[in-house]
PDB file of N, CA and C in Angstrom:
ATOM      1  N   GLY A   1       0.807  -1.170   0.039  1.00  0.00           N
ATOM      2  CA  GLY A   1      -0.018   0.055   0.055  1.00  0.00           C
ATOM      3  C   GLY A   1       0.846   1.285   0.050  1.00  0.00           C
ATOM      4  N   TRP A   2       0.169   2.356   0.103  1.00  0.00           N
ATOM      5  CA  TRP A   2       0.808   3.710   0.188  1.00  0.00           C
ATOM      6  C   TRP A   2       0.426   4.470   1.211  1.00  0.00           C
ATOM      7  N   GLN A   3       1.165   5.556   1.692  1.00  0.00           N
ATOM      8  CA  GLN A   3       0.815   6.485   2.718  1.00  0.00           C
ATOM      9  C   GLN A   3       1.299   7.684   2.225  1.00  0.00           C
ATOM     10  N   GLY A   4       0.700   8.836   2.662  1.00  0.00           N
ATOM     11  CA  GLY A   4       1.140  10.194   2.288  1.00  0.00           C
ATOM     12  C   GLY A   4       0.053  11.182   2.520  1.00  0.00           C
ATOM     13  N   ASN A   5       0.322  12.365   1.963  1.00  0.00           N
ATOM     14  CA  ASN A   5      -0.609  13.520   2.218  1.00  0.00           C
ATOM     15  C   ASN A   5      -1.386  13.844   1.029  1.00  0.00           C
ATOM     16  N   GLY A   6      -1.341  13.060   0.024  1.00  0.00           N
ATOM     17  CA  GLY A   6      -2.143  13.317  -1.299  1.00  0.00           C
ATOM     18  C   GLY A   6      -1.215  13.969  -2.333  1.00  0.00           C
ATOM     19  N   TYR A   7      -0.058  14.529  -1.871  1.00  0.00           N
ATOM     20  CA  TYR A   7       0.913  15.129  -2.829  1.00  0.00           C
ATOM     21  C   TYR A   7       2.164  14.269  -2.859  1.00  0.00           C
ATOM     22  N   SER A   8       2.459  13.796  -1.847  1.00  0.00           N
ATOM     23  CA  SER A   8       3.630  13.030  -1.735  1.00  0.00           C
ATOM     24  C   SER A   8       3.351  11.621  -1.093  1.00  0.00           C
ATOM     25  N   CYS A   9       3.631  10.539  -1.839  1.00  0.00           N
ATOM     26  CA  CYS A   9       3.249   9.191  -1.304  1.00  0.00           C
ATOM     27  C   CYS A   9       4.529   8.380  -1.163  1.00  0.00           C
ATOM     28  N   GLN A  10       4.577   7.526  -0.024  1.00  0.00           N
ATOM     29  CA  GLN A  10       5.579   6.581   0.166  1.00  0.00           C
ATOM     30  C   GLN A  10       5.045   5.138   0.286  1.00  0.00           C
ATOM     31  N   ASP A  11       5.797   4.209  -0.199  1.00  0.00           N
ATOM     32  CA  ASP A  11       5.444   2.941  -0.162  1.00  0.00           C
ATOM     33  C   ASP A  11       5.355   2.297   1.344  1.00  0.00           C
ATOM     34  N   ILE A  12       4.405   1.619   1.672  1.00  0.00           N
ATOM     35  CA  ILE A  12       4.335   0.977   3.001  1.00  0.00           C
ATOM     36  C   ILE A  12       4.913  -0.223   2.926  1.00  0.00           C
ATOM     37  N   ASP A  13       5.892  -0.594   3.715  1.00  0.00           N
ATOM     38  CA  ASP A  13       6.515  -1.981   3.744  1.00  0.00           C
ATOM     39  C   ASP A  13       5.664  -2.941   4.571  1.00  0.00           C
ATOM     40  N   GLU A  14       4.773  -3.608   3.906  1.00  0.00           N
ATOM     41  CA  GLU A  14       3.879  -4.542   4.687  1.00  0.00           C
ATOM     42  C   GLU A  14       4.715  -5.724   5.385  1.00  0.00           C
ATOM     43  N   CYS A  15       5.906  -5.964   4.782  1.00  0.00           N
ATOM     44  CA  CYS A  15       6.704  -7.102   5.331  1.00  0.00           C
ATOM     45  C   CYS A  15       7.117  -6.860   6.709  1.00  0.00           C
ATOM     46  N   LYS A  16       7.251  -5.655   7.159  1.00  0.00           N
ATOM     47  CA  LYS A  16       7.758  -5.238   8.507  1.00  0.00           C
ATOM     48  C   LYS A  16       6.774  -5.553   9.562  1.00  0.00           C
ATOM     49  N   ILE A  17       5.461  -5.749   9.190  1.00  0.00           N
ATOM     50  CA  ILE A  17       4.578  -6.073  10.324  1.00  0.00           C
ATOM     51  C   ILE A  17       4.248  -7.458  10.153  1.00  0.00           C
ATOM     52  N   ASN A  18       4.429  -8.295  11.070  1.00  0.00           N
ATOM     53  CA  ASN A  18       4.036  -9.733  11.009  1.00  0.00           C
ATOM     54  C   ASN A  18       4.357 -10.490   9.757  1.00  0.00           C
ATOM     55  N   ASN A  19       5.506 -10.199   9.199  1.00  0.00           N
ATOM     56  CA  ASN A  19       6.076 -10.824   7.968  1.00  0.00           C
ATOM     57  C   ASN A  19       5.038 -10.787   6.851  1.00  0.00           C
ATOM     58  N   GLY A  20       4.211  -9.644   6.934  1.00  0.00           N
ATOM     59  CA  GLY A  20       3.200  -9.356   5.827  1.00  0.00           C
ATOM     60  C   GLY A  20       2.153 -10.368   5.697  1.00  0.00           C
ATOM     61  N   GLY A  21       1.988 -11.177   6.705  1.00  0.00           N
ATOM     62  CA  GLY A  21       1.041 -12.247   6.802  1.00  0.00           C
ATOM     63  C   GLY A  21       1.493 -13.600   6.161  1.00  0.00           C
ATOM     64  N   CYS A  22       2.823 -13.499   5.699  1.00  0.00           N
ATOM     65  CA  CYS A  22       3.327 -14.740   5.227  1.00  0.00           C
ATOM     66  C   CYS A  22       3.677 -15.801   6.225  1.00  0.00           C
ATOM     67  N   SER A  23       3.883 -17.018   5.904  1.00  0.00           N
ATOM     68  CA  SER A  23       4.056 -18.103   6.944  1.00  0.00           C
ATOM     69  C   SER A  23       5.306 -17.666   7.660  1.00  0.00           C
ATOM     70  N   VAL A  24       5.312 -18.002   9.133  1.00  0.00           N
ATOM     71  CA  VAL A  24       6.500 -17.817   9.829  1.00  0.00           C
ATOM     72  C   VAL A  24       7.022 -19.203  10.321  1.00  0.00           C
ATOM     73  N   VAL A  25       6.114 -20.208  10.313  1.00  0.00           N
ATOM     74  CA  VAL A  25       6.600 -21.557  10.555  1.00  0.00           C
ATOM     75  C   VAL A  25       5.815 -22.510   9.579  1.00  0.00           C
ATOM     76  N   PRO A  26       6.495 -22.922   8.597  1.00  0.00           N
ATOM     77  CA  PRO A  26       7.825 -22.799   8.270  1.00  0.00           C
ATOM     78  C   PRO A  26       8.055 -21.399   7.783  1.00  0.00           C
ATOM     79  N   PRO A  27       9.298 -20.856   7.780  1.00  0.00           N
ATOM     80  CA  PRO A  27       9.534 -19.464   7.312  1.00  0.00           C
ATOM     81  C   PRO A  27       9.427 -19.260   5.877  1.00  0.00           C
ATOM     82  N   VAL A  28       8.583 -18.307   5.423  1.00  0.00           N
ATOM     83  CA  VAL A  28       8.438 -17.907   4.062  1.00  0.00           C
ATOM     84  C   VAL A  28       8.871 -16.460   3.932  1.00  0.00           C
ATOM     85  N   MET A  29       9.606 -16.068   2.966  1.00  0.00           N
ATOM     86  CA  MET A  29       9.998 -14.759   2.742  1.00  0.00           C
ATOM     87  C   MET A  29       8.948 -13.795   2.276  1.00  0.00           C
ATOM     88  N   CYS A  30       8.765 -12.722   2.929  1.00  0.00           N
ATOM     89  CA  CYS A  30       7.771 -11.749   2.455  1.00  0.00           C
ATOM     90  C   CYS A  30       8.639 -10.724   1.476  1.00  0.00           C
ATOM     91  N   VAL A  31       8.106 -10.397   0.250  1.00  0.00           N
ATOM     92  CA  VAL A  31       8.913  -9.582  -0.657  1.00  0.00           C
ATOM     93  C   VAL A  31       8.034  -8.280  -0.791  1.00  0.00           C
ATOM     94  N   ASN A  32       8.538  -7.051  -0.362  1.00  0.00           N
ATOM     95  CA  ASN A  32       7.854  -5.839  -0.491  1.00  0.00           C
ATOM     96  C   ASN A  32       8.125  -5.300  -1.928  1.00  0.00           C
ATOM     97  N   THR A  33       6.975  -4.850  -2.632  1.00  0.00           N
ATOM     98  CA  THR A  33       7.037  -4.356  -3.849  1.00  0.00           C
ATOM     99  C   THR A  33       6.388  -2.897  -3.775  1.00  0.00           C
ATOM    100  N   LEU A  34       6.526  -2.033  -4.722  1.00  0.00           N
ATOM    101  CA  LEU A  34       5.953  -0.704  -4.700  1.00  0.00           C
ATOM    102  C   LEU A  34       4.448  -0.816  -4.695  1.00  0.00           C
ATOM    103  N   GLY A  35       3.894  -0.346  -3.594  1.00  0.00           N
ATOM    104  CA  GLY A  35       2.407  -0.362  -3.425  1.00  0.00           C
ATOM    105  C   GLY A  35       1.834  -1.705  -3.045  1.00  0.00           C
ATOM    106  N   SER A  36       2.590  -2.655  -2.878  1.00  0.00           N
ATOM    107  CA  SER A  36       2.167  -4.033  -2.646  1.00  0.00           C
ATOM    108  C   SER A  36       3.226  -4.914  -1.886  1.00  0.00           C
ATOM    109  N   TYR A  37       2.993  -6.242  -1.858  1.00  0.00           N
ATOM    110  CA  TYR A  37       3.899  -7.206  -1.483  1.00  0.00           C
ATOM    111  C   TYR A  37       3.523  -8.578  -1.867  1.00  0.00           C
ATOM    112  N   HIS A  38       4.243  -9.672  -1.732  1.00  0.00           N
ATOM    113  CA  HIS A  38       3.876 -10.960  -2.069  1.00  0.00           C
ATOM    114  C   HIS A  38       4.683 -11.951  -1.264  1.00  0.00           C
ATOM    115  N   CYS A  39       4.176 -13.099  -0.908  1.00  0.00           N
ATOM    116  CA  CYS A  39       4.777 -14.172  -0.203  1.00  0.00           C
ATOM    117  C   CYS A  39       5.535 -15.158  -1.180  1.00  0.00           C
ATOM    118  N   GLN A  40       6.735 -15.407  -0.931  1.00  0.00           N
ATOM    119  CA  GLN A  40       7.369 -16.412  -1.813  1.00  0.00           C
ATOM    120  C   GLN A  40       6.810 -17.814  -1.536  1.00  0.00           C
ATOM    121  N   ALA A  41       7.187 -18.776  -2.295  1.00  0.00           N
ATOM    122  CA  ALA A  41       6.641 -20.196  -2.202  1.00  0.00           C
ATOM    123  C   ALA A  41       6.928 -20.825  -0.923  1.00  0.00           C
ATOM    124  N   CYS A  42       6.178 -21.829  -0.459  1.00  0.00           N
ATOM    125  CA  CYS A  42       6.483 -22.639   0.704  1.00  0.00           C
ATOM    126  C   CYS A  42       7.719 -23.377   0.429  1.00  0.00           C
ATOM    127  N   PRO A  43       8.517 -23.688   1.466  1.00  0.00           N
ATOM    128  CA  PRO A  43       9.732 -24.518   1.245  1.00  0.00           C
ATOM    129  C   PRO A  43       9.534 -25.921   0.901  1.00  0.00           C
ATOM    130  N   PRO A  44      10.575 -26.610   0.328  1.00  0.00           N
ATOM    131  CA  PRO A  44      10.351 -28.013  -0.024  1.00  0.00           C
ATOM    132  C   PRO A  44       9.792 -28.920   1.101  1.00  0.00           C
ATOM    133  N   GLY A  45       8.903 -29.694   0.758  1.00  0.00           N
ATOM    134  CA  GLY A  45       8.245 -30.496   1.777  1.00  0.00           C
ATOM    135  C   GLY A  45       6.886 -30.010   2.262  1.00  0.00           C
ATOM    136  N   TYR A  46       6.641 -28.826   1.816  1.00  0.00           N
ATOM    137  CA  TYR A  46       5.380 -28.215   2.228  1.00  0.00           C
ATOM    138  C   TYR A  46       4.635 -27.718   0.880  1.00  0.00           C
ATOM    139  N   GLN A  47       3.287 -27.551   1.112  1.00  0.00           N
ATOM    140  CA  GLN A  47       2.497 -27.052   0.131  1.00  0.00           C
ATOM    141  C   GLN A  47       1.638 -25.969   0.665  1.00  0.00           C
ATOM    142  N   GLY A  48       1.173 -25.033  -0.320  1.00  0.00           N
ATOM    143  CA  GLY A  48       0.410 -23.912   0.120  1.00  0.00           C
ATOM    144  C   GLY A  48       0.712 -22.745  -0.704  1.00  0.00           C
ATOM    145  N   ASP A  49       0.102 -21.576  -0.148  1.00  0.00           N
ATOM    146  CA  ASP A  49       0.298 -20.339  -1.054  1.00  0.00           C
ATOM    147  C   ASP A  49       1.243 -19.333  -0.397  1.00  0.00           C
ATOM    148  N   GLY A  50       2.046 -19.866   0.501  1.00  0.00           N
ATOM    149  CA  GLY A  50       3.074 -18.953   1.174  1.00  0.00           C
ATOM    150  C   GLY A  50       2.613 -18.308   2.358  1.00  0.00           C
ATOM    151  N   ARG A  51       1.190 -18.034   2.590  1.00  0.00           N
ATOM    152  CA  ARG A  51       0.671 -17.541   3.678  1.00  0.00           C
ATOM    153  C   ARG A  51       0.505 -18.659   4.707  1.00  0.00           C
ATOM    154  N   VAL A  52      -0.056 -19.801   4.127  1.00  0.00           N
ATOM    155  CA  VAL A  52      -0.211 -21.041   5.051  1.00  0.00           C
ATOM    156  C   VAL A  52       0.412 -22.127   4.188  1.00  0.00           C
ATOM    157  N   CYS A  53       1.397 -22.789   4.928  1.00  0.00           N
ATOM    158  CA  CYS A  53       2.062 -23.966   4.347  1.00  0.00           C
ATOM    159  C   CYS A  53       1.831 -25.149   5.274  1.00  0.00           C
ATOM    160  N   THR A  54       1.537 -26.331   4.623  1.00  0.00           N
ATOM    161  CA  THR A  54       1.214 -27.506   5.331  1.00  0.00           C
ATOM    162  C   THR A  54       2.165 -28.516   4.803  1.00  0.00           C
ATOM    163  N   VAL A  55       2.621 -29.424   5.737  1.00  0.00           N
ATOM    164  CA  VAL A  55       3.473 -30.546   5.332  1.00  0.00           C
ATOM    165  C   VAL A  55       2.780 -31.457   4.398  1.00  0.00           C
ATOM    166  N   ILE A  56       3.734 -31.810   3.338  1.00  0.00           N
ATOM    167  CA  ILE A  56       3.145 -32.664   2.231  1.00  0.00           C
ATOM    168  C   ILE A  56       3.355 -34.149   2.792  1.00  0.00           C
ATOM    169  N   ASP A  57       2.214 -34.831   2.868  1.00  0.00           N
ATOM    170  CA  ASP A  57       2.220 -36.273   3.180  1.00  0.00           C
ATOM    171  C   ASP A  57       2.509 -37.118   1.889  1.00  0.00           C
ATOM    172  N   ILE A  58       3.734 -37.417   1.738  1.00  0.00           N
ATOM    173  CA  ILE A  58       4.066 -38.172   0.564  1.00  0.00           C
ATOM    174  C   ILE A  58       3.557 -39.576   0.542  1.00  0.00           C
ATOM    175  N   CYS A  59       3.173 -40.125   1.740  1.00  0.00           N
ATOM    176  CA  CYS A  59       2.649 -41.439   1.699  1.00  0.00           C
ATOM    177  C   CYS A  59       1.215 -41.553   1.243  1.00  0.00           C
ATOM    178  N   SER A  60       0.502 -40.304   1.237  1.00  0.00           N
ATOM    179  CA  SER A  60      -0.893 -40.280   0.862  1.00  0.00           C
ATOM    180  C   SER A  60      -1.080 -40.429  -0.715  1.00  0.00           C
ATOM    181  N   VAL A  61      -0.124 -40.200  -1.514  1.00  0.00           N
ATOM    182  CA  VAL A  61      -0.167 -40.323  -2.961  1.00  0.00           C
ATOM    183  C   VAL A  61       0.514 -41.569  -3.413  1.00  0.00           C
ATOM    184  N   ASN A  62      -0.063 -42.437  -4.008  1.00  0.00           N
ATOM    185  CA  ASN A  62       0.526 -43.649  -4.516  1.00  0.00           C
ATOM    186  C   ASN A  62       1.350 -44.367  -3.537  1.00  0.00           C
ATOM    187  N   ASN A  63       1.020 -44.328  -2.292  1.00  0.00           N
ATOM    188  CA  ASN A  63       1.825 -45.061  -1.240  1.00  0.00           C
ATOM    189  C   ASN A  63       3.263 -44.507  -1.192  1.00  0.00           C
ATOM    190  N   GLY A  64       3.437 -43.244  -1.655  1.00  0.00           N
ATOM    191  CA  GLY A  64       4.682 -42.561  -1.535  1.00  0.00           C
ATOM    192  C   GLY A  64       5.802 -43.239  -2.356  1.00  0.00           C
ATOM    193  N   GLY A  65       5.240 -44.000  -3.351  1.00  0.00           N
ATOM    194  CA  GLY A  65       6.199 -44.722  -4.228  1.00  0.00           C
ATOM    195  C   GLY A  65       6.851 -46.034  -3.671  1.00  0.00           C
ATOM    196  N   CYS A  66       6.320 -46.339  -2.496  1.00  0.00           N
ATOM    197  CA  CYS A  66       6.759 -47.549  -1.891  1.00  0.00           C
ATOM    198  C   CYS A  66       6.013 -48.838  -2.223  1.00  0.00           C
ATOM    199  N   HIS A  67       6.534 -49.971  -2.047  1.00  0.00           N
ATOM    200  CA  HIS A  67       5.695 -51.194  -2.448  1.00  0.00           C
ATOM    201  C   HIS A  67       4.742 -51.424  -1.269  1.00  0.00           C
ATOM    202  N   PRO A  68       3.552 -51.807  -1.728  1.00  0.00           N
ATOM    203  CA  PRO A  68       2.596 -52.175  -0.634  1.00  0.00           C
ATOM    204  C   PRO A  68       2.845 -53.233   0.321  1.00  0.00           C
TER     205      PRO A  68
END
């Protein structure tokens, strides 16, 4: 977002407050952009949108590639 007096505007760094709402466990990097921000991808072994990351259960898909 932006803040200012209507004549001069400055970018608000949303990442400085609560990691921008991005996951903190596991840690996901918040990236500030002009007028906005985004969360990077969940780390390997997790799935989600960067705000919420859940552990991937590899055994739930095709028995994790293991023999039955």
